[in-house]
């Protein structure tokens, strides 16, 4: 019984860690994409 509980908690920990890693990867990827979109292109000079 104790082995089943340990296996359950190990599986839960791996699942939560994987989900957290996926969220971090998605966050970094979208932040990089937004940085590329908003920093590139033509620089506009304000009209006098």
Protein backbone atom coordinates (compact mmCIF):
# COMPACT_ATOMS: atom_id res chain seq x y z
CA UNK A 1 0.00 0.00 0.00
CA UNK A 2 2.81 2.39 0.88
CA UNK A 3 4.46 1.73 -2.50
CA UNK A 4 1.20 2.63 -4.28
CA UNK A 5 0.96 5.90 -2.37
CA UNK A 6 4.60 6.75 -3.13
CA UNK A 7 4.02 5.95 -6.80
CA UNK A 8 0.92 8.15 -6.82
CA UNK A 9 2.73 11.12 -5.31
CA UNK A 10 5.73 10.63 -7.61
CA UNK A 11 3.40 10.62 -10.63
CA UNK A 12 1.63 13.70 -9.35
CA UNK A 13 4.91 15.53 -8.79
CA UNK A 14 6.17 14.67 -12.28
CA UNK A 15 2.88 15.82 -13.81
CA UNK A 16 2.89 19.14 -11.94
CA UNK A 17 6.57 19.74 -12.74
CA UNK A 18 5.96 19.00 -16.42
CA UNK A 19 3.00 21.35 -16.54
CA UNK A 20 5.02 24.09 -14.87
CA UNK A 21 7.90 23.61 -17.29
CA UNK A 22 5.49 23.75 -20.24
CA UNK A 23 3.98 27.00 -18.96
CA UNK A 24 7.44 28.55 -18.56
CA UNK A 25 8.44 27.48 -22.08
CA UNK A 26 5.23 28.93 -23.54
CA UNK A 27 5.72 32.16 -21.59
CA UNK A 28 9.30 32.58 -22.83
CA UNK A 29 8.32 31.74 -26.42
CA UNK A 30 5.43 34.22 -26.53
CA UNK A 31 7.51 36.93 -24.83
CA UNK A 32 10.21 36.47 -27.48
CA UNK A 33 7.61 36.59 -30.26
CA UNK A 34 6.12 39.82 -28.91
CA UNK A 35 9.58 41.34 -28.54
CA UNK A 36 10.35 40.54 -32.18
CA UNK A 37 7.02 41.99 -33.36
CA UNK A 38 7.22 45.20 -31.36
CA UNK A 39 10.91 46.00 -31.80
CA UNK A 40 11.19 45.40 -35.53
CA UNK A 41 9.92 47.37 -38.47
CA UNK A 42 10.12 51.01 -39.44
CA UNK A 43 11.03 53.68 -36.95
CA UNK A 44 8.60 56.55 -37.28
CA UNK A 45 9.75 60.09 -36.62
CA UNK A 46 7.14 62.33 -35.00
CA UNK A 47 5.87 65.16 -37.18
CA UNK A 48 7.02 68.66 -36.19
